[in-house]
């Protein structure tokens, strides 16, 4: 699993939105919030299309590391 300097996944791309088509879009980048308990259970805490954070199975996502300019742009938009 990729890790950023804070040892937390910050972003992930959705590769499977089955059963959650209104909440997740395939191939979209999502912000991942730190949640060690969720990670221990195989889940990620994702800010989904509702703008709220929910737990989803980690196998629905691929963690990615964004270039710093893109990450800053995402953070400014939040």
PDB file of N, CA and C in Angstrom:
ATOM      1  N   UNK A   1       0.844  -1.175   0.000  1.00  0.00           N
ATOM      2  CA  UNK A   1       0.000   0.000   0.000  1.00  0.00           C
ATOM      3  C   UNK A   1       0.886   1.234   0.000  1.00  0.00           C
ATOM      4  N   UNK A   2       0.555   2.213  -0.848  1.00  0.00           N
ATOM      5  CA  UNK A   2       1.347   3.437  -0.917  1.00  0.00           C
ATOM      6  C   UNK A   2       1.093   4.282   0.328  1.00  0.00           C
ATOM      7  N   UNK A   3       2.113   4.999   0.734  1.00  0.00           N
ATOM      8  CA  UNK A   3       1.973   5.843   1.911  1.00  0.00           C
ATOM      9  C   UNK A   3       2.559   7.205   1.619  1.00  0.00           C
ATOM     10  N   UNK A   4       1.895   8.247   2.112  1.00  0.00           N
ATOM     11  CA  UNK A   4       2.442   9.583   1.964  1.00  0.00           C
ATOM     12  C   UNK A   4       3.372   9.856   3.154  1.00  0.00           C
ATOM     13  N   UNK A   5       3.977  11.026   3.233  1.00  0.00           N
ATOM     14  CA  UNK A   5       4.908  11.274   4.336  1.00  0.00           C
ATOM     15  C   UNK A   5       4.294  11.131   5.727  1.00  0.00           C
ATOM     16  N   UNK A   6       2.994  11.309   5.846  1.00  0.00           N
ATOM     17  CA  UNK A   6       2.327  11.154   7.148  1.00  0.00           C
ATOM     18  C   UNK A   6       1.946   9.704   7.408  1.00  0.00           C
ATOM     19  N   UNK A   7       2.326   8.786   6.524  1.00  0.00           N
ATOM     20  CA  UNK A   7       2.028   7.353   6.633  1.00  0.00           C
ATOM     21  C   UNK A   7       0.537   7.064   6.528  1.00  0.00           C
ATOM     22  N   UNK A   8      -0.191   7.914   5.811  1.00  0.00           N
ATOM     23  CA  UNK A   8      -1.616   7.716   5.619  1.00  0.00           C
ATOM     24  C   UNK A   8      -1.944   7.859   4.141  1.00  0.00           C
ATOM     25  N   UNK A   9      -2.874   7.060   3.670  1.00  0.00           N
ATOM     26  CA  UNK A   9      -3.333   7.231   2.295  1.00  0.00           C
ATOM     27  C   UNK A   9      -4.168   8.501   2.258  1.00  0.00           C
ATOM     28  N   UNK A  10      -3.862   9.397   1.346  1.00  0.00           N
ATOM     29  CA  UNK A  10      -4.602  10.640   1.272  1.00  0.00           C
ATOM     30  C   UNK A  10      -5.626  10.650   0.137  1.00  0.00           C
ATOM     31  N   UNK A  11      -5.334   9.895  -0.936  1.00  0.00           N
ATOM     32  CA  UNK A  11      -6.221   9.873  -2.094  1.00  0.00           C
ATOM     33  C   UNK A  11      -6.268   8.464  -2.675  1.00  0.00           C
ATOM     34  N   UNK A  12      -7.409   8.142  -3.289  1.00  0.00           N
ATOM     35  CA  UNK A  12      -7.563   6.840  -3.926  1.00  0.00           C
ATOM     36  C   UNK A  12      -8.523   6.988  -5.103  1.00  0.00           C
ATOM     37  N   UNK A  13      -8.344   6.123  -6.095  1.00  0.00           N
ATOM     38  CA  UNK A  13      -9.219   6.093  -7.263  1.00  0.00           C
ATOM     39  C   UNK A  13     -10.204   4.948  -7.081  1.00  0.00           C
ATOM     40  N   UNK A  14     -11.468   5.230  -7.295  1.00  0.00           N
ATOM     41  CA  UNK A  14     -12.504   4.195  -7.214  1.00  0.00           C
ATOM     42  C   UNK A  14     -12.420   3.303  -8.449  1.00  0.00           C
ATOM     43  N   UNK A  15     -12.356   1.995  -8.230  1.00  0.00           N
ATOM     44  CA  UNK A  15     -12.343   1.046  -9.352  1.00  0.00           C
ATOM     45  C   UNK A  15     -13.582   0.157  -9.351  1.00  0.00           C
ATOM     46  N   UNK A  16     -14.418   0.269  -8.317  1.00  0.00           N
ATOM     47  CA  UNK A  16     -15.617  -0.567  -8.222  1.00  0.00           C
ATOM     48  C   UNK A  16     -16.678   0.188  -7.427  1.00  0.00           C
ATOM     49  N   UNK A  17     -17.736   0.622  -8.105  1.00  0.00           N
ATOM     50  CA  UNK A  17     -18.819   1.321  -7.412  1.00  0.00           C
ATOM     51  C   UNK A  17     -20.096   0.481  -7.336  1.00  0.00           C
ATOM     52  N   UNK A  18     -19.976  -0.833  -7.547  1.00  0.00           N
ATOM     53  CA  UNK A  18     -21.133  -1.725  -7.490  1.00  0.00           C
ATOM     54  C   UNK A  18     -21.862  -1.541  -6.165  1.00  0.00           C
ATOM     55  N   UNK A  19     -23.167  -1.440  -6.228  1.00  0.00           N
ATOM     56  CA  UNK A  19     -24.062  -1.233  -5.086  1.00  0.00           C
ATOM     57  C   UNK A  19     -24.032   0.196  -4.541  1.00  0.00           C
ATOM     58  N   UNK A  20     -23.159   1.063  -5.074  1.00  0.00           N
ATOM     59  CA  UNK A  20     -23.064   2.449  -4.594  1.00  0.00           C
ATOM     60  C   UNK A  20     -22.973   3.443  -5.755  1.00  0.00           C
ATOM     61  N   UNK A  21     -23.779   3.291  -6.820  1.00  0.00           N
ATOM     62  CA  UNK A  21     -23.615   4.176  -7.983  1.00  0.00           C
ATOM     63  C   UNK A  21     -23.910   5.649  -7.691  1.00  0.00           C
ATOM     64  N   UNK A  22     -24.726   5.944  -6.702  1.00  0.00           N
ATOM     65  CA  UNK A  22     -25.012   7.341  -6.368  1.00  0.00           C
ATOM     66  C   UNK A  22     -23.948   7.939  -5.454  1.00  0.00           C
ATOM     67  N   UNK A  23     -23.183   7.084  -4.783  1.00  0.00           N
ATOM     68  CA  UNK A  23     -22.204   7.552  -3.803  1.00  0.00           C
ATOM     69  C   UNK A  23     -20.779   7.573  -4.323  1.00  0.00           C
ATOM     70  N   UNK A  24     -20.480   6.691  -5.279  1.00  0.00           N
ATOM     71  CA  UNK A  24     -19.123   6.566  -5.809  1.00  0.00           C
ATOM     72  C   UNK A  24     -19.158   6.548  -7.329  1.00  0.00           C
ATOM     73  N   UNK A  25     -18.172   7.188  -7.947  1.00  0.00           N
ATOM     74  CA  UNK A  25     -18.014   7.155  -9.399  1.00  0.00           C
ATOM     75  C   UNK A  25     -16.736   6.404  -9.728  1.00  0.00           C
ATOM     76  N   UNK A  26     -16.846   5.443 -10.635  1.00  0.00           N
ATOM     77  CA  UNK A  26     -15.643   4.723 -11.072  1.00  0.00           C
ATOM     78  C   UNK A  26     -14.669   5.690 -11.719  1.00  0.00           C
ATOM     79  N   UNK A  27     -13.403   5.478 -11.454  1.00  0.00           N
ATOM     80  CA  UNK A  27     -12.284   6.226 -12.020  1.00  0.00           C
ATOM     81  C   UNK A  27     -12.161   7.645 -11.463  1.00  0.00           C
ATOM     82  N   UNK A  28     -12.891   7.966 -10.431  1.00  0.00           N
ATOM     83  CA  UNK A  28     -12.784   9.290  -9.808  1.00  0.00           C
ATOM     84  C   UNK A  28     -11.825   9.216  -8.621  1.00  0.00           C
ATOM     85  N   UNK A  29     -11.102  10.309  -8.400  1.00  0.00           N
ATOM     86  CA  UNK A  29     -10.195  10.408  -7.253  1.00  0.00           C
ATOM     87  C   UNK A  29     -10.998  10.867  -6.041  1.00  0.00           C
ATOM     88  N   UNK A  30     -10.813  10.164  -4.930  1.00  0.00           N
ATOM     89  CA  UNK A  30     -11.497  10.505  -3.677  1.00  0.00           C
ATOM     90  C   UNK A  30     -10.480  10.775  -2.578  1.00  0.00           C
ATOM     91  N   UNK A  31     -10.838  11.669  -1.701  1.00  0.00           N
ATOM     92  CA  UNK A  31     -10.041  11.964  -0.508  1.00  0.00           C
ATOM     93  C   UNK A  31     -10.289  10.859   0.502  1.00  0.00           C
ATOM     94  N   UNK A  32      -9.221  10.387   1.113  1.00  0.00           N
ATOM     95  CA  UNK A  32      -9.286   9.350   2.137  1.00  0.00           C
ATOM     96  C   UNK A  32      -8.894   9.977   3.473  1.00  0.00           C
ATOM     97  N   UNK A  33      -9.744   9.816   4.471  1.00  0.00           N
ATOM     98  CA  UNK A  33      -9.455  10.333   5.803  1.00  0.00           C
ATOM     99  C   UNK A  33      -8.790   9.251   6.651  1.00  0.00           C
ATOM    100  N   UNK A  34      -7.877   9.642   7.521  1.00  0.00           N
ATOM    101  CA  UNK A  34      -7.214   8.649   8.372  1.00  0.00           C
ATOM    102  C   UNK A  34      -8.210   7.959   9.302  1.00  0.00           C
ATOM    103  N   UNK A  35      -8.135   6.645   9.367  1.00  0.00           N
ATOM    104  CA  UNK A  35      -8.974   5.868  10.273  1.00  0.00           C
ATOM    105  C   UNK A  35      -8.313   4.500  10.449  1.00  0.00           C
ATOM    106  N   UNK A  36      -7.490   4.379  11.471  1.00  0.00           N
ATOM    107  CA  UNK A  36      -6.738   3.150  11.706  1.00  0.00           C
ATOM    108  C   UNK A  36      -7.650   1.956  11.972  1.00  0.00           C
ATOM    109  N   UNK A  37      -8.741   2.167  12.704  1.00  0.00           N
ATOM    110  CA  UNK A  37      -9.674   1.066  12.988  1.00  0.00           C
ATOM    111  C   UNK A  37     -10.304   0.551  11.694  1.00  0.00           C
ATOM    112  N   UNK A  38     -10.695   1.468  10.821  1.00  0.00           N
ATOM    113  CA  UNK A  38     -11.282   1.068   9.544  1.00  0.00           C
ATOM    114  C   UNK A  38     -10.257   0.299   8.716  1.00  0.00           C
ATOM    115  N   UNK A  39      -9.036   0.804   8.658  1.00  0.00           N
ATOM    116  CA  UNK A  39      -7.980   0.147   7.883  1.00  0.00           C
ATOM    117  C   UNK A  39      -7.718  -1.265   8.407  1.00  0.00           C
ATOM    118  N   UNK A  40      -7.757  -1.433   9.718  1.00  0.00           N
ATOM    119  CA  UNK A  40      -7.539  -2.757  10.310  1.00  0.00           C
ATOM    120  C   UNK A  40      -8.629  -3.738   9.890  1.00  0.00           C
ATOM    121  N   UNK A  41      -9.810  -3.210   9.566  1.00  0.00           N
ATOM    122  CA  UNK A  41     -10.927  -4.046   9.121  1.00  0.00           C
ATOM    123  C   UNK A  41     -10.990  -4.161   7.591  1.00  0.00           C
ATOM    124  N   UNK A  42     -10.014  -3.564   6.882  1.00  0.00           N
ATOM    125  CA  UNK A  42      -9.996  -3.623   5.425  1.00  0.00           C
ATOM    126  C   UNK A  42     -10.853  -2.573   4.755  1.00  0.00           C
ATOM    127  N   UNK A  43     -11.134  -1.489   5.474  1.00  0.00           N
ATOM    128  CA  UNK A  43     -11.969  -0.419   4.936  1.00  0.00           C
ATOM    129  C   UNK A  43     -11.181   0.882   4.822  1.00  0.00           C
ATOM    130  N   UNK A  44     -11.732   1.809   4.028  1.00  0.00           N
ATOM    131  CA  UNK A  44     -11.206   3.166   3.931  1.00  0.00           C
ATOM    132  C   UNK A  44     -12.333   4.127   4.262  1.00  0.00           C
ATOM    133  N   UNK A  45     -11.993   5.238   4.911  1.00  0.00           N
ATOM    134  CA  UNK A  45     -12.968   6.297   5.181  1.00  0.00           C
ATOM    135  C   UNK A  45     -12.839   7.306   4.045  1.00  0.00           C
ATOM    136  N   UNK A  46     -13.856   7.311   3.174  1.00  0.00           N
ATOM    137  CA  UNK A  46     -13.847   8.090   1.939  1.00  0.00           C
ATOM    138  C   UNK A  46     -14.842   9.235   2.029  1.00  0.00           C
ATOM    139  N   UNK A  47     -14.450  10.411   1.540  1.00  0.00           N
ATOM    140  CA  UNK A  47     -15.416  11.493   1.353  1.00  0.00           C
ATOM    141  C   UNK A  47     -16.050  11.235  -0.008  1.00  0.00           C
ATOM    142  N   UNK A  48     -17.311  10.808   0.017  1.00  0.00           N
ATOM    143  CA  UNK A  48     -17.970  10.377  -1.216  1.00  0.00           C
ATOM    144  C   UNK A  48     -18.753  11.506  -1.879  1.00  0.00           C
ATOM    145  N   UNK A  49     -19.609  11.169  -2.829  1.00  0.00           N
ATOM    146  CA  UNK A  49     -20.362  12.165  -3.592  1.00  0.00           C
ATOM    147  C   UNK A  49     -21.306  13.002  -2.735  1.00  0.00           C
ATOM    148  N   UNK A  50     -21.674  12.513  -1.562  1.00  0.00           N
ATOM    149  CA  UNK A  50     -22.547  13.279  -0.677  1.00  0.00           C
ATOM    150  C   UNK A  50     -21.788  14.400   0.020  1.00  0.00           C
ATOM    151  N   UNK A  51     -20.454  14.330  -0.022  1.00  0.00           N
ATOM    152  CA  UNK A  51     -19.627  15.306   0.680  1.00  0.00           C
ATOM    153  C   UNK A  51     -19.344  14.898   2.110  1.00  0.00           C
ATOM    154  N   UNK A  52     -19.900  13.767   2.515  1.00  0.00           N
ATOM    155  CA  UNK A  52     -19.682  13.229   3.865  1.00  0.00           C
ATOM    156  C   UNK A  52     -18.713  12.058   3.780  1.00  0.00           C
ATOM    157  N   UNK A  53     -18.154  11.680   4.931  1.00  0.00           N
ATOM    158  CA  UNK A  53     -17.247  10.538   4.936  1.00  0.00           C
ATOM    159  C   UNK A  53     -17.973   9.281   5.395  1.00  0.00           C
ATOM    160  N   UNK A  54     -17.713   8.201   4.660  1.00  0.00           N
ATOM    161  CA  UNK A  54     -18.298   6.896   4.943  1.00  0.00           C
ATOM    162  C   UNK A  54     -17.236   5.820   4.750  1.00  0.00           C
ATOM    163  N   UNK A  55     -17.463   4.672   5.366  1.00  0.00           N
ATOM    164  CA  UNK A  55     -16.545   3.549   5.202  1.00  0.00           C
ATOM    165  C   UNK A  55     -16.935   2.730   3.986  1.00  0.00           C
ATOM    166  N   UNK A  56     -15.929   2.395   3.192  1.00  0.00           N
ATOM    167  CA  UNK A  56     -16.092   1.515   2.043  1.00  0.00           C
ATOM    168  C   UNK A  56     -14.958   0.502   2.068  1.00  0.00           C
ATOM    169  N   UNK A  57     -15.210  -0.657   1.516  1.00  0.00           N
ATOM    170  CA  UNK A  57     -14.194  -1.687   1.428  1.00  0.00           C
ATOM    171  C   UNK A  57     -13.001  -1.163   0.623  1.00  0.00           C
ATOM    172  N   UNK A  58     -11.808  -1.367   1.148  1.00  0.00           N
ATOM    173  CA  UNK A  58     -10.593  -0.862   0.496  1.00  0.00           C
ATOM    174  C   UNK A  58     -10.393  -1.461  -0.885  1.00  0.00           C
ATOM    175  N   UNK A  59     -10.957  -2.645  -1.142  1.00  0.00           N
ATOM    176  CA  UNK A  59     -10.751  -3.254  -2.453  1.00  0.00           C
ATOM    177  C   UNK A  59     -11.532  -2.554  -3.561  1.00  0.00           C
ATOM    178  N   UNK A  60     -12.338  -1.576  -3.212  1.00  0.00           N
ATOM    179  CA  UNK A  60     -13.038  -0.760  -4.209  1.00  0.00           C
ATOM    180  C   UNK A  60     -12.148   0.361  -4.751  1.00  0.00           C
ATOM    181  N   UNK A  61     -10.966   0.536  -4.147  1.00  0.00           N
ATOM    182  CA  UNK A  61     -10.107   1.679  -4.453  1.00  0.00           C
ATOM    183  C   UNK A  61      -8.661   1.256  -4.673  1.00  0.00           C
ATOM    184  N   UNK A  62      -7.947   2.095  -5.405  1.00  0.00           N
ATOM    185  CA  UNK A  62      -6.505   1.956  -5.548  1.00  0.00           C
ATOM    186  C   UNK A  62      -5.894   3.236  -4.989  1.00  0.00           C
ATOM    187  N   UNK A  63      -5.048   3.112  -3.964  1.00  0.00           N
ATOM    188  CA  UNK A  63      -4.416   4.311  -3.407  1.00  0.00           C
ATOM    189  C   UNK A  63      -3.456   4.932  -4.417  1.00  0.00           C
ATOM    190  N   UNK A  64      -3.427   6.251  -4.449  1.00  0.00           N
ATOM    191  CA  UNK A  64      -2.534   6.960  -5.366  1.00  0.00           C
ATOM    192  C   UNK A  64      -1.821   8.076  -4.617  1.00  0.00           C
ATOM    193  N   UNK A  65      -0.696   8.469  -5.176  1.00  0.00           N
ATOM    194  CA  UNK A  65       0.029   9.618  -4.642  1.00  0.00           C
ATOM    195  C   UNK A  65      -0.025  10.692  -5.713  1.00  0.00           C
ATOM    196  N   UNK A  66      -0.567  11.835  -5.363  1.00  0.00           N
ATOM    197  CA  UNK A  66      -0.716  12.923  -6.317  1.00  0.00           C
ATOM    198  C   UNK A  66       0.541  13.782  -6.339  1.00  0.00           C
ATOM    199  N   UNK A  67       0.844  14.386  -7.487  1.00  0.00           N
ATOM    200  CA  UNK A  67       1.905  15.386  -7.506  1.00  0.00           C
ATOM    201  C   UNK A  67       1.532  16.513  -6.540  1.00  0.00           C
ATOM    202  N   UNK A  68       2.510  17.152  -5.949  1.00  0.00           N
ATOM    203  CA  UNK A  68       2.232  18.150  -4.912  1.00  0.00           C
ATOM    204  C   UNK A  68       1.338  19.280  -5.408  1.00  0.00           C
ATOM    205  N   UNK A  69       1.502  19.727  -6.652  1.00  0.00           N
ATOM    206  CA  UNK A  69       0.657  20.808  -7.175  1.00  0.00           C
ATOM    207  C   UNK A  69      -0.802  20.381  -7.256  1.00  0.00           C
ATOM    208  N   UNK A  70      -1.051  19.134  -7.646  1.00  0.00           N
ATOM    209  CA  UNK A  70      -2.421  18.627  -7.723  1.00  0.00           C
ATOM    210  C   UNK A  70      -2.996  18.471  -6.323  1.00  0.00           C
ATOM    211  N   UNK A  71      -2.206  17.947  -5.393  1.00  0.00           N
ATOM    212  CA  UNK A  71      -2.674  17.786  -4.019  1.00  0.00           C
ATOM    213  C   UNK A  71      -3.036  19.142  -3.409  1.00  0.00           C
ATOM    214  N   UNK A  72      -2.224  20.162  -3.637  1.00  0.00           N
ATOM    215  CA  UNK A  72      -2.528  21.501  -3.122  1.00  0.00           C
ATOM    216  C   UNK A  72      -3.827  22.027  -3.715  1.00  0.00           C
ATOM    217  N   UNK A  73      -4.038  21.768  -5.001  1.00  0.00           N
ATOM    218  CA  UNK A  73      -5.260  22.205  -5.670  1.00  0.00           C
ATOM    219  C   UNK A  73      -6.477  21.529  -5.042  1.00  0.00           C
ATOM    220  N   UNK A  74      -6.379  20.226  -4.763  1.00  0.00           N
ATOM    221  CA  UNK A  74      -7.458  19.495  -4.101  1.00  0.00           C
ATOM    222  C   UNK A  74      -7.735  20.080  -2.725  1.00  0.00           C
ATOM    223  N   UNK A  75      -6.693  20.364  -1.974  1.00  0.00           N
ATOM    224  CA  UNK A  75      -6.851  20.882  -0.611  1.00  0.00           C
ATOM    225  C   UNK A  75      -7.501  22.259  -0.623  1.00  0.00           C
ATOM    226  N   UNK A  76      -7.167  23.093  -1.619  1.00  0.00           N
ATOM    227  CA  UNK A  76      -7.758  24.421  -1.702  1.00  0.00           C
ATOM    228  C   UNK A  76      -9.240  24.337  -2.049  1.00  0.00           C
ATOM    229  N   UNK A  77      -9.625  23.314  -2.790  1.00  0.00           N
ATOM    230  CA  UNK A  77     -11.027  23.158  -3.203  1.00  0.00           C
ATOM    231  C   UNK A  77     -11.896  22.606  -2.089  1.00  0.00           C
ATOM    232  N   UNK A  78     -11.273  21.999  -1.081  1.00  0.00           N
ATOM    233  CA  UNK A  78     -12.046  21.362   0.002  1.00  0.00           C
ATOM    234  C   UNK A  78     -12.628  22.379   0.952  1.00  0.00           C
TER     235      UNK A  78
END
